[in-house]
Protein backbone atom coordinates (compact mmCIF):
# COMPACT_ATOMS: atom_id res chain seq x y z
CA MET A 1 11.84 11.77 10.13
CA ARG A 2 11.64 14.81 7.88
CA LYS A 3 8.46 15.15 5.85
CA ILE A 4 8.47 15.93 2.16
CA PRO A 5 7.15 19.47 1.59
CA ARG A 6 3.63 19.44 0.18
CA PRO A 7 4.64 20.63 -3.34
CA LEU A 8 6.87 17.56 -3.62
CA ARG A 9 4.55 15.03 -1.99
CA THR A 10 3.89 12.02 -4.28
CA ALA A 11 1.91 9.47 -2.25
CA ILE A 12 4.87 7.14 -1.85
CA GLN A 13 4.01 3.74 -0.37
CA TYR A 14 6.06 0.74 0.63
CA GLN A 15 4.77 -2.81 0.12
CA PRO A 16 6.85 -5.68 1.53
CA MET A 17 7.71 -8.46 -0.90
CA MET A 18 10.16 -11.32 -1.16
CA SER A 19 13.09 -11.51 -3.50
CA PRO A 20 13.87 -14.67 -5.51
CA ALA A 21 16.69 -15.36 -3.10
CA GLY A 22 14.28 -15.19 -0.18
CA THR A 23 15.43 -11.88 1.27
CA ASP A 24 12.99 -9.16 2.18
CA SER A 25 12.07 -6.90 -0.67
CA GLY A 26 9.58 -4.20 -1.47
CA ARG A 27 7.57 -2.36 -4.04
CA LEU A 28 7.47 1.39 -3.90
CA ARG A 29 4.98 3.45 -5.81
CA CYS A 30 3.68 6.97 -6.27
CA ARG A 31 0.60 8.09 -8.11
CA GLY A 32 -1.67 11.06 -8.74
CA THR A 33 -3.58 13.11 -11.28
CA ILE A 34 -1.58 13.73 -14.45
CA GLY A 35 -0.34 17.33 -14.57
CA ASP A 36 -1.34 17.99 -10.97
CA ASP A 37 0.14 15.48 -8.52
CA PHE A 38 1.83 13.41 -11.20
CA THR A 39 4.32 15.57 -13.14
CA PHE A 40 7.57 15.21 -15.06
CA GLY A 41 9.46 16.84 -12.21
CA ARG A 42 8.18 14.37 -9.66
CA VAL A 43 8.75 11.41 -11.95
CA ARG A 44 12.37 12.45 -12.52
CA LEU A 45 12.86 13.18 -8.84
CA ALA A 46 11.49 9.83 -7.67
CA ALA A 47 13.37 7.91 -10.40
CA ALA A 48 16.65 9.63 -9.53
CA ALA A 49 16.14 8.84 -5.84
CA PHE A 50 15.44 5.21 -6.67
CA ALA A 51 18.58 5.06 -8.83
CA ARG A 52 20.75 6.46 -6.03
CA ILE A 53 19.47 3.81 -3.64
CA GLU A 54 20.23 1.06 -6.17
CA ARG A 55 23.64 2.53 -7.00
CA ARG A 56 24.70 2.41 -3.37
CA ARG A 57 23.93 -1.28 -3.34
CA GLY A 58 26.50 -1.80 -6.08
CA ASN A 59 26.76 -4.89 -8.30
CA ALA A 60 26.48 -2.83 -11.51
CA PRO A 61 22.77 -2.08 -11.12
CA ALA A 62 20.49 -1.76 -14.13
CA ILE A 63 16.85 -0.68 -14.06
CA PHE A 64 14.17 -1.55 -16.62
CA ILE A 65 11.50 1.07 -17.39
CA ALA A 66 8.22 0.63 -19.25
CA GLY A 67 4.68 1.99 -19.27
CA ASP A 68 1.08 1.29 -20.19
CA THR A 69 -1.08 3.10 -22.77
CA ARG A 70 -2.07 6.10 -20.66
CA PHE A 71 -1.53 9.71 -21.64
CA PHE A 72 2.18 10.57 -21.74
CA SER A 73 3.21 7.14 -20.39
CA GLU A 74 6.07 6.78 -22.86
CA ASP A 75 7.25 10.32 -22.09
CA PHE A 76 7.14 9.74 -18.34
CA ALA A 77 9.04 6.47 -18.85
CA ARG A 78 11.71 8.22 -20.90
CA ALA A 79 11.98 10.98 -18.31
CA ALA A 80 12.52 8.35 -15.60
CA ALA A 81 15.15 6.58 -17.74
CA CYS A 82 17.04 9.81 -18.33
CA ALA A 83 17.04 10.67 -14.62
CA ILE A 84 18.37 7.19 -13.83
CA GLU A 85 21.16 7.46 -16.40
CA ALA A 86 22.10 10.88 -15.04
CA GLU A 87 22.70 9.17 -11.69
CA GLY A 88 25.21 6.77 -13.23
CA VAL A 89 22.85 3.79 -13.24
CA HIS A 90 22.15 1.94 -16.48
CA ALA A 91 18.56 2.41 -17.69
CA ILE A 92 16.88 0.03 -20.13
CA LEU A 93 13.79 1.52 -21.76
CA ALA A 94 11.03 -0.60 -23.30
CA ASP A 95 10.48 0.35 -26.93
CA ARG A 96 6.68 -0.14 -26.68
CA TYR A 97 3.96 -0.12 -24.07
CA ALA A 98 3.86 -3.37 -22.13
CA PRO A 99 1.69 -5.28 -19.65
CA ARG A 100 3.08 -5.18 -16.16
CA ALA A 101 3.89 -8.91 -15.96
CA ALA A 102 6.16 -8.57 -19.01
CA VAL A 103 8.19 -5.97 -17.12
CA SER A 104 8.54 -8.24 -14.08
CA PHE A 105 9.46 -11.15 -16.34
CA GLU A 106 12.26 -9.17 -18.01
CA ILE A 107 13.65 -7.99 -14.68
CA ARG A 108 13.85 -11.58 -13.47
CA ARG A 109 15.14 -12.97 -16.78
CA ARG A 110 18.03 -10.50 -16.92
CA HIS A 111 18.65 -10.42 -13.16
CA LEU A 112 18.26 -6.65 -13.09
CA ALA A 113 18.34 -4.56 -9.93
CA GLY A 114 14.71 -3.56 -10.34
CA GLY A 115 12.30 -1.68 -12.51
CA ILE A 116 9.86 1.20 -12.85
CA TYR A 117 6.45 0.80 -14.47
CA VAL A 118 4.40 3.85 -15.45
CA THR A 119 0.72 3.00 -14.99
CA GLY A 120 -2.58 4.05 -13.52
CA GLY A 121 -3.70 0.43 -13.20
CA SER A 122 -7.48 0.20 -13.54
CA ARG A 123 -8.06 3.77 -12.39
CA PRO A 124 -9.70 6.55 -14.43
CA ALA A 125 -7.81 7.99 -17.39
CA GLU A 126 -6.68 11.18 -15.67
CA GLN A 127 -4.59 9.26 -13.13
CA SER A 128 -1.18 7.69 -13.52
CA GLY A 129 1.63 6.55 -11.28
CA LEU A 130 4.95 4.83 -10.84
CA LYS A 131 5.43 1.34 -9.48
CA PHE A 132 8.96 0.72 -8.27
CA LEU A 133 10.04 -2.91 -8.17
CA ASP A 134 12.82 -3.20 -5.63
CA ARG A 135 14.36 -6.60 -4.92
CA ASP A 136 16.53 -5.67 -1.95
CA GLY A 137 14.23 -4.15 0.62
CA SER A 138 14.48 -0.35 0.75
CA ASP A 139 11.52 1.40 2.30
CA ASP A 140 9.58 4.64 1.99
CA ARG A 141 11.75 6.36 4.59
CA ALA A 142 14.85 5.78 2.48
CA LEU A 143 13.11 7.02 -0.65
CA GLU A 144 11.63 10.05 1.07
CA SER A 145 15.05 10.95 2.44
CA GLU A 146 16.58 10.66 -1.03
CA ILE A 147 13.84 12.83 -2.52
CA LEU A 148 14.44 15.51 0.10
CA ASP A 149 18.15 15.55 -0.59
CA LEU A 150 17.65 15.63 -4.35
CA ALA A 151 15.04 18.38 -4.17
CA GLU A 152 17.63 20.62 -2.53
CA SER A 153 20.49 19.86 -4.93
CA LEU A 154 19.19 19.08 -8.41
CA PRO A 155 18.61 21.80 -11.02
CA GLU A 156 15.11 22.93 -11.95
CA SER A 157 15.60 21.50 -15.46
CA LEU A 158 15.16 18.04 -13.93
CA GLY A 159 11.42 18.56 -14.16
CA GLU A 160 11.20 19.78 -17.73
CA PRO A 161 10.09 17.38 -20.51
CA GLY A 162 12.73 18.83 -22.83
CA ALA A 163 15.67 18.27 -20.52
CA ALA A 164 18.79 16.90 -22.18
CA GLU A 165 18.79 13.16 -22.80
CA PRO A 166 21.86 10.93 -22.58
CA ALA A 167 23.23 9.58 -25.84
CA GLY A 168 22.75 5.90 -26.52
CA LEU A 169 19.87 5.22 -24.15
CA GLU A 170 19.25 1.46 -24.46
CA ALA A 171 15.87 0.52 -25.94
CA PHE A 172 14.59 -3.04 -25.71
CA ASP A 173 11.58 -5.01 -26.97
CA PRO A 174 10.30 -6.99 -23.96
CA SER A 175 7.69 -8.91 -25.92
CA VAL A 176 9.86 -11.61 -27.52
CA TYR A 177 11.07 -13.58 -24.50
CA TYR A 178 7.88 -12.97 -22.54
CA LEU A 179 5.58 -14.28 -25.29
CA ASP A 180 7.85 -17.25 -25.87
CA ARG A 181 7.54 -18.10 -22.19
CA LEU A 182 3.73 -17.92 -22.32
CA GLY A 183 3.82 -20.18 -25.36
CA GLU A 184 5.56 -22.79 -23.21
CA GLN A 185 3.00 -22.58 -20.41
CA VAL A 186 -0.25 -22.87 -22.40
CA ARG A 187 -1.29 -25.95 -24.43
CA PHE A 188 -2.42 -24.23 -27.60
CA ALA A 189 -2.89 -27.54 -29.41
CA THR A 190 -5.76 -28.29 -27.03
CA ILE A 191 -7.41 -24.96 -27.86
CA ARG A 192 -7.00 -25.52 -31.60
CA ARG A 193 -8.45 -29.06 -31.48
CA ALA A 194 -11.54 -27.78 -29.68
CA GLY A 195 -12.20 -25.25 -32.45
CA LEU A 196 -12.55 -22.54 -29.85
CA ARG A 197 -12.76 -18.94 -31.01
CA LEU A 198 -11.57 -16.19 -28.69
CA ILE A 199 -12.89 -12.65 -28.36
CA PHE A 200 -10.53 -10.37 -26.50
CA ASP A 201 -11.53 -6.94 -25.19
CA ALA A 202 -8.22 -5.12 -24.75
CA MET A 203 -9.96 -2.09 -23.20
CA HIS A 204 -7.47 0.15 -25.08
CA GLY A 205 -4.80 -1.13 -22.69
CA ALA A 206 -1.30 -2.57 -22.69
CA ALA A 207 -2.32 -6.18 -23.45
CA ALA A 208 -3.42 -5.16 -26.97
CA GLY A 209 -0.98 -6.46 -29.58
CA TRP A 210 0.47 -8.92 -27.10
CA LEU A 211 -2.18 -11.54 -26.38
CA ASP A 212 -3.68 -11.47 -29.88
CA ARG A 213 -0.23 -11.70 -31.46
CA LEU A 214 0.63 -14.76 -29.38
CA VAL A 215 -2.70 -16.52 -30.06
CA ALA A 216 -2.78 -15.81 -33.79
CA LYS A 217 0.81 -17.05 -34.18
CA ARG A 218 -0.31 -20.41 -32.78
CA GLY A 219 -3.30 -20.78 -35.07
CA VAL A 220 -6.16 -19.89 -32.72
CA PRO A 221 -8.84 -17.56 -34.16
CA VAL A 222 -9.12 -14.34 -32.17
CA GLU A 223 -11.18 -11.18 -32.52
CA VAL A 224 -9.96 -8.05 -30.78
CA LEU A 225 -12.24 -5.35 -29.41
CA HIS A 226 -10.91 -1.92 -28.43
CA GLY A 227 -7.36 -2.78 -29.44
CA ASN A 228 -6.46 0.77 -30.43
CA ARG A 229 -4.78 3.16 -28.04
CA ASP A 230 -7.27 5.57 -26.48
CA VAL A 231 -5.75 7.46 -23.57
CA LEU A 232 -9.28 8.36 -22.37
CA PHE A 233 -10.47 4.73 -22.43
CA GLN A 234 -13.73 5.84 -24.03
CA GLY A 235 -14.46 8.03 -21.04
CA SER A 236 -14.35 5.13 -18.60
CA SER A 237 -11.63 3.24 -16.75
CA PRO A 238 -9.86 0.13 -18.09
CA SER A 239 -11.28 -2.15 -15.41
CA PRO A 240 -12.79 -5.49 -16.57
CA VAL A 241 -16.12 -5.30 -14.78
CA ALA A 242 -19.52 -6.09 -16.30
CA ALA A 243 -20.48 -2.44 -16.79
CA HIS A 244 -17.40 -1.87 -18.99
CA LEU A 245 -17.67 -5.09 -21.04
CA LYS A 246 -21.14 -4.85 -22.54
CA SER A 247 -19.88 -4.85 -26.13
CA LEU A 248 -17.82 -7.96 -25.35
CA ALA A 249 -20.88 -9.73 -23.93
CA HIS A 250 -22.86 -8.87 -27.06
CA ALA A 251 -20.07 -10.13 -29.35
CA VAL A 252 -19.75 -13.40 -27.42
CA ARG A 253 -23.50 -14.10 -27.54
CA ALA A 254 -23.50 -13.53 -31.30
CA GLY A 255 -20.35 -15.54 -31.97
CA GLY A 256 -21.29 -19.19 -31.56
CA LYS A 257 -18.52 -21.35 -30.11
CA THR A 258 -16.65 -18.50 -28.47
CA LEU A 259 -15.05 -17.53 -25.22
CA GLY A 260 -14.70 -13.90 -24.24
CA PHE A 261 -12.35 -12.17 -21.88
CA GLY A 262 -11.50 -8.61 -20.95
CA ILE A 263 -8.14 -7.49 -19.60
CA SER A 264 -7.38 -4.36 -17.58
CA GLY A 265 -5.27 -1.49 -18.88
CA ASP A 266 -2.08 -2.69 -17.17
CA GLY A 267 -2.66 -6.38 -17.95
CA THR A 268 -3.09 -7.50 -14.33
CA ARG A 269 -6.84 -8.20 -14.07
CA PHE A 270 -9.15 -10.24 -16.28
CA ALA A 271 -12.77 -11.32 -16.54
CA MET A 272 -14.21 -14.32 -18.41
CA LEU A 273 -17.56 -14.68 -20.18
CA ASP A 274 -19.08 -17.99 -21.26
CA SER A 275 -20.76 -18.57 -24.64
CA GLU A 276 -23.96 -16.94 -23.34
CA GLY A 277 -22.10 -13.79 -22.31
CA ARG A 278 -22.40 -14.59 -18.59
CA PHE A 279 -19.66 -13.68 -16.12
CA LEU A 280 -18.01 -16.03 -13.69
CA THR A 281 -17.01 -14.35 -10.46
CA PRO A 282 -13.23 -14.09 -9.97
CA GLY A 283 -13.36 -16.45 -6.98
CA GLN A 284 -15.21 -19.12 -8.94
CA LEU A 285 -12.73 -18.82 -11.78
CA VAL A 286 -9.77 -19.16 -9.40
CA ALA A 287 -11.31 -22.34 -7.96
CA LEU A 288 -11.93 -23.85 -11.40
CA LEU A 289 -8.42 -23.05 -12.61
CA TYR A 290 -6.87 -24.43 -9.45
CA ASP A 291 -8.70 -27.73 -9.87
CA PHE A 292 -7.71 -27.82 -13.55
CA LEU A 293 -4.00 -27.18 -12.91
CA VAL A 294 -3.76 -29.71 -10.09
CA GLU A 295 -5.28 -32.40 -12.32
CA THR A 296 -3.69 -31.57 -15.69
CA ARG A 297 -0.25 -30.39 -14.56
CA GLY A 298 0.09 -32.72 -11.61
CA TRP A 299 0.91 -29.79 -9.31
CA ARG A 300 0.28 -31.21 -5.85
CA LEU A 301 0.60 -27.77 -4.31
CA ASP A 302 -1.61 -25.56 -2.17
CA ALA A 303 -3.51 -22.49 -3.39
CA ALA A 304 -3.22 -18.92 -2.13
CA ARG A 305 -6.15 -16.53 -1.89
CA SER A 306 -6.94 -13.20 -0.27
CA VAL A 307 -9.35 -12.92 2.66
CA ALA A 308 -12.05 -11.51 0.35
CA THR A 309 -11.83 -14.39 -2.14
CA SER A 310 -14.35 -17.22 -2.33
CA HIS A 311 -14.06 -20.14 0.10
CA PHE A 312 -14.73 -22.30 -2.96
CA VAL A 313 -10.93 -22.29 -3.37
CA ASP A 314 -10.55 -23.83 0.10
CA ALA A 315 -13.12 -26.53 -0.70
CA VAL A 316 -11.32 -27.52 -3.92
CA ALA A 317 -7.97 -27.67 -2.12
CA SER A 318 -9.45 -29.81 0.64
CA GLN A 319 -10.92 -32.27 -1.85
CA HIS A 320 -7.45 -32.77 -3.31
CA GLY A 321 -5.96 -33.27 0.15
CA LEU A 322 -4.30 -29.85 -0.02
CA SER A 323 -4.78 -26.56 1.80
CA THR A 324 -5.03 -22.82 1.24
CA VAL A 325 -2.68 -19.99 2.15
CA LYS A 326 -4.87 -17.04 3.15
CA THR A 327 -3.46 -13.51 2.99
CA PRO A 328 -4.65 -9.91 3.46
CA GLY A 329 -5.76 -8.03 0.36
CA GLY A 330 -3.00 -6.80 -1.94
CA PHE A 331 -1.29 -9.07 -4.41
CA ARG A 332 2.12 -8.42 -2.87
CA HIS A 333 1.25 -10.78 -0.01
CA PHE A 334 1.27 -13.75 -2.39
CA ALA A 335 4.90 -13.25 -3.41
CA PRO A 336 6.58 -15.39 -0.69
CA ALA A 337 4.41 -18.43 -1.47
CA LEU A 338 4.84 -18.01 -5.23
CA LEU A 339 8.58 -17.53 -5.13
CA GLY A 340 8.96 -20.41 -2.71
CA GLU A 341 7.05 -22.72 -5.09
CA ARG A 342 4.60 -23.48 -2.28
CA VAL A 343 1.41 -22.86 -4.28
CA ALA A 344 0.09 -23.80 -7.70
CA LEU A 345 -1.60 -20.44 -8.10
CA ALA A 346 -2.62 -17.32 -6.21
CA GLY A 347 -5.79 -15.36 -6.90
CA ASP A 348 -8.00 -12.66 -5.46
CA ALA A 349 -11.53 -11.30 -5.68
CA ASP A 350 -10.54 -8.56 -8.16
CA GLY A 351 -9.65 -10.83 -11.07
CA ARG A 352 -5.90 -11.08 -10.47
CA LEU A 353 -4.12 -14.39 -10.86
CA ALA A 354 -0.52 -15.63 -10.67
CA ILE A 355 0.81 -19.07 -11.62
CA ARG A 356 3.78 -20.96 -10.17
CA GLY A 357 7.01 -20.86 -12.14
CA HIS A 358 6.24 -17.54 -13.81
CA VAL A 359 6.50 -14.17 -12.03
CA PRO A 360 5.29 -13.21 -8.52
CA GLU A 361 2.83 -10.80 -10.12
CA SER A 362 -0.63 -11.09 -11.54
CA ASP A 363 -0.56 -11.92 -15.26
CA ALA A 364 -4.00 -11.58 -16.84
CA ILE A 365 -2.78 -12.71 -20.26
CA LEU A 366 -1.53 -16.02 -18.89
CA GLY A 367 -4.62 -16.44 -16.72
CA ALA A 368 -6.98 -15.86 -19.64
CA LEU A 369 -5.12 -18.28 -21.91
CA LEU A 370 -5.08 -21.01 -19.25
CA ALA A 371 -8.82 -20.50 -18.83
CA ALA A 372 -9.22 -20.89 -22.60
CA GLU A 373 -7.28 -24.16 -22.44
CA MET A 374 -9.50 -25.26 -19.55
CA VAL A 375 -12.68 -24.59 -21.55
CA ALA A 376 -11.24 -26.38 -24.57
CA GLU A 377 -10.44 -29.42 -22.42
CA ARG A 378 -13.46 -29.50 -20.07
CA GLY A 379 -16.28 -27.69 -21.86
CA PRO A 380 -18.37 -24.59 -21.06
CA LEU A 381 -17.64 -22.68 -17.88
CA GLU A 382 -21.16 -22.97 -16.49
CA ALA A 383 -21.17 -26.78 -16.90
CA GLN A 384 -17.74 -26.99 -15.25
CA LEU A 385 -19.01 -24.96 -12.33
CA GLU A 386 -22.03 -27.22 -11.84
CA THR A 387 -19.84 -30.34 -12.02
CA LEU A 388 -17.40 -29.05 -9.43
CA PHE A 389 -20.25 -27.98 -7.13
CA ARG A 390 -21.64 -31.52 -7.28
CA ARG A 391 -18.23 -33.03 -6.54
CA ILE A 392 -17.82 -30.87 -3.46
CA GLY A 393 -21.45 -31.17 -2.38
CA ARG A 394 -22.08 -27.45 -1.95
CA GLU A 395 -22.38 -24.29 -4.02
CA PHE A 396 -20.44 -21.06 -3.50
CA TRP A 397 -21.81 -17.71 -4.67
CA PRO A 398 -19.80 -14.63 -3.71
CA VAL A 399 -21.11 -11.07 -4.06
CA ARG A 400 -19.60 -7.67 -3.36
CA CYS A 401 -20.97 -4.17 -2.81
CA ASP A 402 -19.22 -0.88 -2.00
CA VAL A 403 -20.80 1.45 0.55
CA PRO A 404 -19.86 5.17 0.42
CA MET A 405 -18.76 6.38 3.85
CA ASP A 406 -16.95 9.50 5.03
CA ASP A 407 -13.99 9.39 7.40
CA ALA A 408 -16.11 9.95 10.51
CA ALA A 409 -18.49 7.15 9.62
CA ARG A 410 -15.59 4.83 8.85
CA GLU A 411 -14.10 5.59 12.26
CA ARG A 412 -17.39 4.80 14.03
CA LEU A 413 -17.69 1.59 12.03
CA ALA A 414 -14.15 0.54 12.98
CA GLN A 415 -15.07 0.89 16.66
CA LEU A 416 -18.20 -1.20 16.20
CA LEU A 417 -16.26 -3.93 14.43
CA GLU A 418 -14.02 -4.40 17.48
CA SER A 419 -16.92 -6.31 19.05
CA ASP A 420 -16.62 -10.08 19.49
CA SER A 421 -20.36 -10.70 19.39
CA ARG A 422 -21.37 -14.30 18.78
CA GLU A 423 -24.45 -13.18 16.90
CA PHE A 424 -24.90 -10.85 13.94
CA LEU A 425 -28.05 -10.11 11.93
CA GLU A 426 -29.84 -12.82 13.98
CA ARG A 427 -27.31 -15.41 12.78
CA GLN A 428 -24.96 -17.41 14.99
CA VAL A 429 -21.30 -16.49 14.46
CA VAL A 430 -18.84 -19.40 14.63
CA ARG A 431 -15.62 -17.62 13.60
CA VAL A 432 -14.21 -14.08 13.58
CA ASP A 433 -11.06 -13.09 11.68
CA ARG A 434 -9.46 -9.63 11.62
CA MET A 435 -6.59 -10.37 9.24
CA ASP A 436 -7.92 -7.77 6.79
CA GLY A 437 -11.06 -6.02 7.96
CA TRP A 438 -13.79 -7.89 9.85
CA GLU A 439 -14.63 -11.36 8.57
CA ILE A 440 -17.27 -13.51 10.26
CA GLU A 441 -18.50 -16.99 9.40
CA PHE A 442 -21.92 -18.36 10.28
CA GLU A 443 -23.16 -21.84 11.23
CA ASP A 444 -24.36 -22.64 7.72
CA GLY A 445 -20.96 -21.89 6.14
CA SER A 446 -21.95 -18.49 4.75
CA TRP A 447 -19.65 -15.60 5.61
CA LEU A 448 -19.14 -11.88 5.17
CA LEU A 449 -16.25 -9.47 5.22
CA VAL A 450 -16.40 -5.75 5.97
CA ARG A 451 -13.20 -4.17 4.69
CA PRO A 452 -12.14 -0.50 4.41
CA ALA A 453 -11.14 0.47 0.89
CA ARG A 454 -8.63 3.02 -0.38
CA GLY A 455 -11.36 5.37 -1.57
CA PRO A 456 -14.20 6.96 0.43
CA HIS A 457 -16.10 3.69 0.79
CA VAL A 458 -16.16 0.35 2.58
CA GLU A 459 -16.28 -3.01 0.83
CA ILE A 460 -18.77 -5.71 1.77
CA HIS A 461 -18.00 -9.24 0.58
CA ALA A 462 -20.49 -12.02 1.28
CA GLU A 463 -20.80 -15.63 0.18
CA ALA A 464 -23.49 -18.27 0.60
CA ALA A 465 -24.80 -21.42 -1.06
CA SER A 466 -27.02 -19.35 -3.38
CA HIS A 467 -26.66 -15.99 -5.05
CA ASP A 468 -29.94 -14.75 -3.53
CA VAL A 469 -28.88 -15.58 0.03
CA ALA A 470 -25.44 -13.98 -0.45
CA THR A 471 -27.03 -10.84 -1.90
CA ARG A 472 -29.49 -10.62 0.99
CA LEU A 473 -26.67 -11.01 3.50
CA ALA A 474 -24.69 -8.19 1.85
CA LYS A 475 -27.73 -5.89 1.72
CA GLU A 476 -28.62 -6.53 5.36
CA THR A 477 -25.02 -5.74 6.32
CA GLU A 478 -25.14 -2.52 4.29
CA ARG A 479 -28.32 -1.40 6.09
CA TRP A 480 -26.74 -2.22 9.45
CA MET A 481 -23.67 -0.14 8.56
CA LEU A 482 -25.64 2.86 7.40
CA ASN A 483 -27.89 2.82 10.46
């Protein structure tokens, strides 16, 4: 296979998925630093290649394009739309920034060939990327081949922001149908009756003006923090972790009967704070929501979780006479179970959540609103957690730490983790799983996972019946790794 010359390289990846019809599908994406790796020329080149692939498949393809609030997102989206139209494929351009789930919803609602979403996810402000939603199963080799062919034949003007635009480019507001759908899935009357007040930290991201608009329209008081567009995200990254949500925690503690949540820049990840400003871990929240949906919606369906996600989810499923679908990390692995209506929800350890009957993508807006309904119905999050622990007869406290490691150290670690030792850190090992990294479970039910990350570090996930024990297990594992 020919390689793309370095000046044209755009970190293209292929991620298998499943189409609604059950056929293999994929998600292609490229990303980089804005103005360096991620440029107008590369956006147009990749979009044109994607359009050619879709055009060959026929059936009057149409592609939906949208972006988040990052620097130049709307310009990159328009550049992609123009390149697609130039290839004879109909492009539909969102007329505003949008959360990623809204893009997926519109593609499915209109039965489009696919879509392109301009986003940097939860990464720092200087990075952006393209996510290609492909429902028919092309792969990176096909896209790379198209890019090579296009690079040799297309004019240089393809990469210029001021290149000619087609007349009559279709613009569309994706918020109307999407918000109507969310209104059908959440019981807002329950939230209103409870007198619950919501505080929403939009983190300057794409969920701003979407969630608050939906909630206010249905008579629920909501306060918005950081709802303005700031392409620098206040010098941080739009990731809903405790270090980035300090102002939200302060507002919740001062607000009385309130519930706070923060949503990532692309609308895929969320975090919840109780009335004292305390965080629930993502795994605990997934377990609580799963129990709530099984009991209130009557969904006698399994749950799906990633390897790194709390075993609390498994315990809740077991108590209901159900089971858990376990997958490697990466939300794409949940798609077959979601599209096949096999699970009530799918969640991971990074605050992503998907619900049956919606889209096979994480939707933080829907997840946050269902959590608000759950609090309105069942009371404070901390009390719910204690009640569910008592029902199950055990507590679950997950922790995570990231250990910086260079490539050589990661390679040595990978060799060490090939061992099938029945003892680790003076604890008896009862189970080893290499589905995604190295997961081991101990006699007392505690477990840990050592998992390589995309960046120059390795993730450690640990869980035990107390936060102190889980933290100690993670720290001992970190010392073992570094030594």
